[in-house]
Amino acid sequence: MPTRRPAAVPPPPKRPANALALAVLGLLLEQPMHPHAMVGALRERGMDAAFKLTTGSLYDTVRALVRDGWIEVDGTEQAGNRPVRTVYRHTAAGRDGFTDWLDELIREPAPEYPRFLSAVAYLGALGRPRAAEALRERAAALRERIAQGAEAYRAAREEHGVPRLFVIEAEYAAALAQAELEWLERTAAEIEQGTLAWPEGDGR
């Protein structure tokens, strides 16, 4: 008898280049959904703070995920007189590819290059008063953002009943923001008190 060849394993889908795609795949891991509902869910959970979210950008992302084999049409639905909406779900390869990608992202710290990190490397160029003022202004804006994030998290959990695990990224973001706020305030105080060494003749 001829030897049966093992079935070829399809290659994993090409990984998207943007964080919005990761968020869409995460939502579809919970349940099939149409793009309009995706936008609402992402905003409700405050995830639009992590990336640019518009209806157009989300539809573009969904089309790219369909094209590259991550997701597929699950059917359509219509509520009342609203337009018919296309519902999407993971493909088998897309689900496996997503969990593999997610596992890698969580396990392996990758270098990131935020603008603030690049700018703060040259803090001394501002001179003491201006540097302290800039840090204090950033701290005030960050404090307001933390308060807004806390309110969005409370509303998601208490008013909409979103499980904690589905908004746990908001806790992580809040912890990062709080750590940055503490650093900003501590460093501004050191500058103002003169305990942070400054280049000679550059204390403007």
C-alpha atoms as a PDB file:
ATOM      1  CA  MET A   1       0.000   0.000   0.000  1.00  0.00           C
ATOM      2  CA  PRO A   2       1.267   3.499  -0.768  1.00  0.00           C
ATOM      3  CA  THR A   3       2.422   5.505   2.219  1.00  0.00           C
ATOM      4  CA  ARG A   4       0.006   8.293   3.097  1.00  0.00           C
ATOM      5  CA  ARG A   5       1.721  11.645   3.272  1.00  0.00           C
ATOM      6  CA  PRO A   6       0.954  13.793   6.285  1.00  0.00           C
ATOM      7  CA  ALA A   7      -1.300  16.749   5.586  1.00  0.00           C
ATOM      8  CA  ALA A   8       0.618  19.938   4.932  1.00  0.00           C
ATOM      9  CA  VAL A   9       0.438  22.398   7.812  1.00  0.00           C
ATOM     10  CA  PRO A  10      -0.735  25.791   6.527  1.00  0.00           C
ATOM     11  CA  PRO A  11       1.705  28.616   7.227  1.00  0.00           C
ATOM     12  CA  PRO A  12       0.714  31.027  10.006  1.00  0.00           C
ATOM     13  CA  PRO A  13      -0.978  34.233   8.854  1.00  0.00           C
ATOM     14  CA  LYS A  14       1.239  37.249   8.214  1.00  0.00           C
ATOM     15  CA  ARG A  15       1.373  39.266  11.425  1.00  0.00           C
ATOM     16  CA  PRO A  16      -0.197  42.726  11.294  1.00  0.00           C
ATOM     17  CA  ALA A  17       1.972  45.723  12.044  1.00  0.00           C
ATOM     18  CA  ASN A  18      -0.413  47.687  14.276  1.00  0.00           C
ATOM     19  CA  ALA A  19      -1.765  47.350  17.808  1.00  0.00           C
ATOM     20  CA  LEU A  20      -5.352  47.866  16.652  1.00  0.00           C
ATOM     21  CA  ALA A  21      -5.217  44.502  14.860  1.00  0.00           C
ATOM     22  CA  LEU A  22      -4.171  42.844  18.107  1.00  0.00           C
ATOM     23  CA  ALA A  23      -7.139  44.455  19.896  1.00  0.00           C
ATOM     24  CA  VAL A  24      -9.577  43.300  17.187  1.00  0.00           C
ATOM     25  CA  LEU A  25      -8.260  39.741  17.388  1.00  0.00           C
ATOM     26  CA  GLY A  26      -8.616  39.877  21.161  1.00  0.00           C
ATOM     27  CA  LEU A  27     -12.254  40.927  20.939  1.00  0.00           C
ATOM     28  CA  LEU A  28     -13.041  38.146  18.478  1.00  0.00           C
ATOM     29  CA  LEU A  29     -11.488  35.665  20.863  1.00  0.00           C
ATOM     30  CA  GLU A  30     -14.414  36.466  23.183  1.00  0.00           C
ATOM     31  CA  GLN A  31     -17.150  36.170  20.534  1.00  0.00           C
ATOM     32  CA  PRO A  32     -17.909  36.883  16.858  1.00  0.00           C
ATOM     33  CA  MET A  33     -18.601  40.588  16.365  1.00  0.00           C
ATOM     34  CA  HIS A  34     -19.247  43.221  13.712  1.00  0.00           C
ATOM     35  CA  PRO A  35     -16.924  46.234  13.349  1.00  0.00           C
ATOM     36  CA  HIS A  36     -19.417  48.752  14.758  1.00  0.00           C
ATOM     37  CA  ALA A  37     -19.645  46.714  17.965  1.00  0.00           C
ATOM     38  CA  MET A  38     -15.842  46.433  18.057  1.00  0.00           C
ATOM     39  CA  VAL A  39     -15.480  50.221  18.074  1.00  0.00           C
ATOM     40  CA  GLY A  40     -17.993  50.498  20.922  1.00  0.00           C
ATOM     41  CA  ALA A  41     -16.325  47.769  22.978  1.00  0.00           C
ATOM     42  CA  LEU A  42     -12.830  49.237  22.558  1.00  0.00           C
ATOM     43  CA  ARG A  43     -13.997  52.713  23.564  1.00  0.00           C
ATOM     44  CA  GLU A  44     -16.011  51.361  26.479  1.00  0.00           C
ATOM     45  CA  ARG A  45     -12.897  49.663  27.809  1.00  0.00           C
ATOM     46  CA  GLY A  46     -10.735  52.739  27.288  1.00  0.00           C
ATOM     47  CA  MET A  47      -8.462  50.951  24.838  1.00  0.00           C
ATOM     48  CA  ASP A  48      -8.648  53.824  22.367  1.00  0.00           C
ATOM     49  CA  ALA A  49      -6.042  55.489  24.578  1.00  0.00           C
ATOM     50  CA  ALA A  50      -3.483  52.903  23.449  1.00  0.00           C
ATOM     51  CA  PHE A  51      -3.831  53.497  19.697  1.00  0.00           C
ATOM     52  CA  LYS A  52      -5.582  55.681  17.165  1.00  0.00           C
ATOM     53  CA  LEU A  53      -9.153  54.406  16.842  1.00  0.00           C
ATOM     54  CA  THR A  54     -11.566  55.646  14.187  1.00  0.00           C
ATOM     55  CA  THR A  55     -14.313  53.820  12.358  1.00  0.00           C
ATOM     56  CA  GLY A  56     -12.248  54.054   9.175  1.00  0.00           C
ATOM     57  CA  SER A  57      -9.065  52.694  10.761  1.00  0.00           C
ATOM     58  CA  LEU A  58     -10.972  49.800  12.292  1.00  0.00           C
ATOM     59  CA  TYR A  59     -12.664  48.827   9.015  1.00  0.00           C
ATOM     60  CA  ASP A  60      -9.286  48.998   7.250  1.00  0.00           C
ATOM     61  CA  THR A  61      -7.828  46.715   9.920  1.00  0.00           C
ATOM     62  CA  VAL A  62     -10.695  44.236   9.610  1.00  0.00           C
ATOM     63  CA  ARG A  63     -10.281  44.098   5.820  1.00  0.00           C
ATOM     64  CA  ALA A  64      -6.555  43.462   6.207  1.00  0.00           C
ATOM     65  CA  LEU A  65      -7.167  40.677   8.735  1.00  0.00           C
ATOM     66  CA  VAL A  66      -9.638  39.003   6.360  1.00  0.00           C
ATOM     67  CA  ARG A  67      -7.214  39.352   3.454  1.00  0.00           C
ATOM     68  CA  ASP A  68      -4.353  37.800   5.416  1.00  0.00           C
ATOM     69  CA  GLY A  69      -6.395  34.883   6.754  1.00  0.00           C
ATOM     70  CA  TRP A  70      -6.738  35.880  10.414  1.00  0.00           C
ATOM     71  CA  ILE A  71     -10.515  36.266  10.437  1.00  0.00           C
ATOM     72  CA  GLU A  72     -13.469  35.368   8.244  1.00  0.00           C
ATOM     73  CA  VAL A  73     -17.142  36.239   7.832  1.00  0.00           C
ATOM     74  CA  ASP A  74     -19.391  34.504  10.364  1.00  0.00           C
ATOM     75  CA  GLY A  75     -22.678  35.836   9.000  1.00  0.00           C
ATOM     76  CA  THR A  76     -24.752  38.992   9.166  1.00  0.00           C
ATOM     77  CA  GLU A  77     -27.107  40.541  11.682  1.00  0.00           C
ATOM     78  CA  GLN A  78     -29.637  43.347  11.677  1.00  0.00           C
ATOM     79  CA  ALA A  79     -31.306  45.122  14.572  1.00  0.00           C
ATOM     80  CA  GLY A  80     -34.526  46.965  13.744  1.00  0.00           C
ATOM     81  CA  ASN A  81     -34.112  49.446  10.925  1.00  0.00           C
ATOM     82  CA  ARG A  82     -30.334  49.584  11.253  1.00  0.00           C
ATOM     83  CA  PRO A  83     -28.143  48.505   8.328  1.00  0.00           C
ATOM     84  CA  VAL A  84     -27.207  44.858   7.939  1.00  0.00           C
ATOM     85  CA  ARG A  85     -23.834  44.334   9.600  1.00  0.00           C
ATOM     86  CA  THR A  86     -21.226  41.707   8.753  1.00  0.00           C
ATOM     87  CA  VAL A  87     -20.055  39.649  11.716  1.00  0.00           C
ATOM     88  CA  TYR A  88     -16.523  38.247  11.827  1.00  0.00           C
ATOM     89  CA  ARG A  89     -14.808  35.414  13.676  1.00  0.00           C
ATOM     90  CA  HIS A  90     -11.334  33.919  13.925  1.00  0.00           C
ATOM     91  CA  THR A  91     -10.203  31.415  11.340  1.00  0.00           C
ATOM     92  CA  ALA A  92      -8.622  28.289  12.866  1.00  0.00           C
ATOM     93  CA  ALA A  93      -5.177  29.477  11.761  1.00  0.00           C
ATOM     94  CA  GLY A  94      -5.958  32.986  12.979  1.00  0.00           C
ATOM     95  CA  ARG A  95      -6.876  31.821  16.456  1.00  0.00           C
ATOM     96  CA  ASP A  96      -3.713  29.752  16.786  1.00  0.00           C
ATOM     97  CA  GLY A  97      -1.621  32.557  15.309  1.00  0.00           C
ATOM     98  CA  PHE A  98      -3.128  35.094  17.705  1.00  0.00           C
ATOM     99  CA  THR A  99      -2.461  33.053  20.844  1.00  0.00           C
ATOM    100  CA  ASP A 100       1.110  32.325  19.693  1.00  0.00           C
ATOM    101  CA  TRP A 101       1.685  36.022  18.980  1.00  0.00           C
ATOM    102  CA  LEU A 102       0.164  37.033  22.305  1.00  0.00           C
ATOM    103  CA  ASP A 103       2.269  34.500  24.198  1.00  0.00           C
ATOM    104  CA  GLU A 104       5.414  35.888  22.573  1.00  0.00           C
ATOM    105  CA  LEU A 105       4.486  39.515  23.334  1.00  0.00           C
ATOM    106  CA  ILE A 106       3.853  38.766  26.999  1.00  0.00           C
ATOM    107  CA  ARG A 107       6.908  36.579  27.546  1.00  0.00           C
ATOM    108  CA  GLU A 108       9.549  38.587  25.707  1.00  0.00           C
ATOM    109  CA  PRO A 109      10.276  42.233  26.627  1.00  0.00           C
ATOM    110  CA  ALA A 110      10.891  44.149  23.419  1.00  0.00           C
ATOM    111  CA  PRO A 111      12.610  47.516  23.076  1.00  0.00           C
ATOM    112  CA  GLU A 112      10.169  50.390  22.751  1.00  0.00           C
ATOM    113  CA  TYR A 113      11.042  53.949  21.862  1.00  0.00           C
ATOM    114  CA  PRO A 114       8.572  56.452  23.342  1.00  0.00           C
ATOM    115  CA  ARG A 115       9.133  60.095  22.433  1.00  0.00           C
ATOM    116  CA  PHE A 116       9.372  61.155  26.066  1.00  0.00           C
ATOM    117  CA  LEU A 117      12.305  58.816  26.712  1.00  0.00           C
ATOM    118  CA  SER A 118      14.189  60.401  23.823  1.00  0.00           C
ATOM    119  CA  ALA A 119      13.344  63.937  24.944  1.00  0.00           C
ATOM    120  CA  VAL A 120      14.139  63.492  28.638  1.00  0.00           C
ATOM    121  CA  ALA A 121      17.661  62.377  27.713  1.00  0.00           C
ATOM    122  CA  TYR A 122      18.312  66.056  26.875  1.00  0.00           C
ATOM    123  CA  LEU A 123      16.468  67.577  29.821  1.00  0.00           C
ATOM    124  CA  GLY A 124      19.575  69.562  30.756  1.00  0.00           C
ATOM    125  CA  ALA A 125      19.286  71.648  27.596  1.00  0.00           C
ATOM    126  CA  LEU A 126      16.229  73.397  29.023  1.00  0.00           C
ATOM    127  CA  GLY A 127      17.973  74.818  32.060  1.00  0.00           C
ATOM    128  CA  ARG A 128      16.752  74.316  35.633  1.00  0.00           C
ATOM    129  CA  PRO A 129      13.633  76.539  35.784  1.00  0.00           C
ATOM    130  CA  ARG A 130      12.299  75.557  32.392  1.00  0.00           C
ATOM    131  CA  ALA A 131      13.016  71.847  32.931  1.00  0.00           C
ATOM    132  CA  ALA A 132      11.212  71.835  36.283  1.00  0.00           C
ATOM    133  CA  GLU A 133       8.278  73.742  34.796  1.00  0.00           C
ATOM    134  CA  ALA A 134       8.035  71.304  31.865  1.00  0.00           C
ATOM    135  CA  LEU A 135       8.072  68.289  34.191  1.00  0.00           C
ATOM    136  CA  ARG A 136       5.420  69.858  36.443  1.00  0.00           C
ATOM    137  CA  GLU A 137       3.193  70.596  33.451  1.00  0.00           C
ATOM    138  CA  ARG A 138       3.528  67.034  32.190  1.00  0.00           C
ATOM    139  CA  ALA A 139       2.746  65.745  35.682  1.00  0.00           C
ATOM    140  CA  ALA A 140      -0.458  67.816  35.836  1.00  0.00           C
ATOM    141  CA  ALA A 141      -1.609  66.505  32.450  1.00  0.00           C
ATOM    142  CA  LEU A 142      -0.733  62.946  33.449  1.00  0.00           C
ATOM    143  CA  ARG A 143      -2.588  63.286  36.754  1.00  0.00           C
ATOM    144  CA  GLU A 144      -5.714  64.303  34.835  1.00  0.00           C
ATOM    145  CA  ARG A 145      -5.297  61.386  32.427  1.00  0.00           C
ATOM    146  CA  ILE A 146      -4.954  58.964  35.341  1.00  0.00           C
ATOM    147  CA  ALA A 147      -8.205  60.283  36.830  1.00  0.00           C
ATOM    148  CA  GLN A 148     -10.006  59.909  33.492  1.00  0.00           C
ATOM    149  CA  GLY A 149      -8.678  56.377  33.101  1.00  0.00           C
ATOM    150  CA  ALA A 150      -9.808  55.461  36.597  1.00  0.00           C
ATOM    151  CA  GLU A 151     -13.319  56.730  35.832  1.00  0.00           C
ATOM    152  CA  ALA A 152     -13.454  54.799  32.541  1.00  0.00           C
ATOM    153  CA  TYR A 153     -12.292  51.650  34.349  1.00  0.00           C
ATOM    154  CA  ARG A 154     -14.916  52.134  37.087  1.00  0.00           C
ATOM    155  CA  ALA A 155     -17.677  52.637  34.499  1.00  0.00           C
ATOM    156  CA  ALA A 156     -16.637  49.549  32.533  1.00  0.00           C
ATOM    157  CA  ARG A 157     -16.611  47.381  35.649  1.00  0.00           C
ATOM    158  CA  GLU A 158     -19.548  48.776  37.601  1.00  0.00           C
ATOM    159  CA  GLU A 159     -21.930  50.195  34.990  1.00  0.00           C
ATOM    160  CA  HIS A 160     -21.305  47.802  32.105  1.00  0.00           C
ATOM    161  CA  GLY A 161     -20.310  44.704  34.045  1.00  0.00           C
ATOM    162  CA  VAL A 162     -17.127  44.080  32.054  1.00  0.00           C
ATOM    163  CA  PRO A 163     -15.107  41.294  33.719  1.00  0.00           C
ATOM    164  CA  ARG A 164     -11.841  42.468  35.266  1.00  0.00           C
ATOM    165  CA  LEU A 165      -9.783  40.170  33.032  1.00  0.00           C
ATOM    166  CA  PHE A 166     -11.155  41.978  29.945  1.00  0.00           C
ATOM    167  CA  VAL A 167      -9.925  45.378  31.170  1.00  0.00           C
ATOM    168  CA  ILE A 168      -6.805  44.285  33.041  1.00  0.00           C
ATOM    169  CA  GLU A 169      -4.673  46.230  30.559  1.00  0.00           C
ATOM    170  CA  ALA A 170      -6.174  49.394  32.077  1.00  0.00           C
ATOM    171  CA  GLU A 171      -4.706  48.393  35.443  1.00  0.00           C
ATOM    172  CA  TYR A 172      -1.288  47.951  33.842  1.00  0.00           C
ATOM    173  CA  ALA A 173      -1.541  51.312  32.073  1.00  0.00           C
ATOM    174  CA  ALA A 174      -2.561  52.985  35.342  1.00  0.00           C
ATOM    175  CA  ALA A 175       0.412  51.446  37.167  1.00  0.00           C
ATOM    176  CA  LEU A 176       2.809  52.719  34.480  1.00  0.00           C
ATOM    177  CA  ALA A 177       1.252  56.182  34.538  1.00  0.00           C
ATOM    178  CA  GLN A 178       1.420  56.347  38.332  1.00  0.00           C
ATOM    179  CA  ALA A 179       5.095  55.336  38.310  1.00  0.00           C
ATOM    180  CA  GLU A 180       5.843  58.024  35.711  1.00  0.00           C
ATOM    181  CA  LEU A 181       3.930  60.632  37.723  1.00  0.00           C
ATOM    182  CA  GLU A 182       5.950  59.856  40.841  1.00  0.00           C
ATOM    183  CA  TRP A 183       9.211  60.136  38.875  1.00  0.00           C
ATOM    184  CA  LEU A 184       8.144  63.451  37.318  1.00  0.00           C
ATOM    185  CA  GLU A 185       7.252  65.006  40.658  1.00  0.00           C
ATOM    186  CA  ARG A 186      10.363  63.674  42.393  1.00  0.00           C
ATOM    187  CA  THR A 187      12.687  64.882  39.638  1.00  0.00           C
ATOM    188  CA  ALA A 188      11.031  68.305  39.395  1.00  0.00           C
ATOM    189  CA  ALA A 189      11.466  68.701  43.163  1.00  0.00           C
ATOM    190  CA  GLU A 190      15.152  67.751  42.931  1.00  0.00           C
ATOM    191  CA  ILE A 191      15.678  70.373  40.222  1.00  0.00           C
ATOM    192  CA  GLU A 192      13.862  73.047  42.218  1.00  0.00           C
ATOM    193  CA  GLN A 193      15.789  72.221  45.397  1.00  0.00           C
ATOM    194  CA  GLY A 194      19.118  72.159  43.566  1.00  0.00           C
ATOM    195  CA  THR A 195      19.897  68.555  44.553  1.00  0.00           C
ATOM    196  CA  LEU A 196      20.107  67.360  40.935  1.00  0.00           C
ATOM    197  CA  ALA A 197      23.562  68.184  39.579  1.00  0.00           C
ATOM    198  CA  TRP A 198      23.443  70.454  36.528  1.00  0.00           C
ATOM    199  CA  PRO A 199      26.090  71.218  33.877  1.00  0.00           C
ATOM    200  CA  GLU A 200      28.340  74.132  34.854  1.00  0.00           C
ATOM    201  CA  GLY A 201      27.096  77.415  33.451  1.00  0.00           C
ATOM    202  CA  ASP A 202      23.882  75.855  32.134  1.00  0.00           C
ATOM    203  CA  GLY A 203      21.506  76.476  35.004  1.00  0.00           C
ATOM    204  CA  ARG A 204      19.514  79.127  33.136  1.00  0.00           C
END
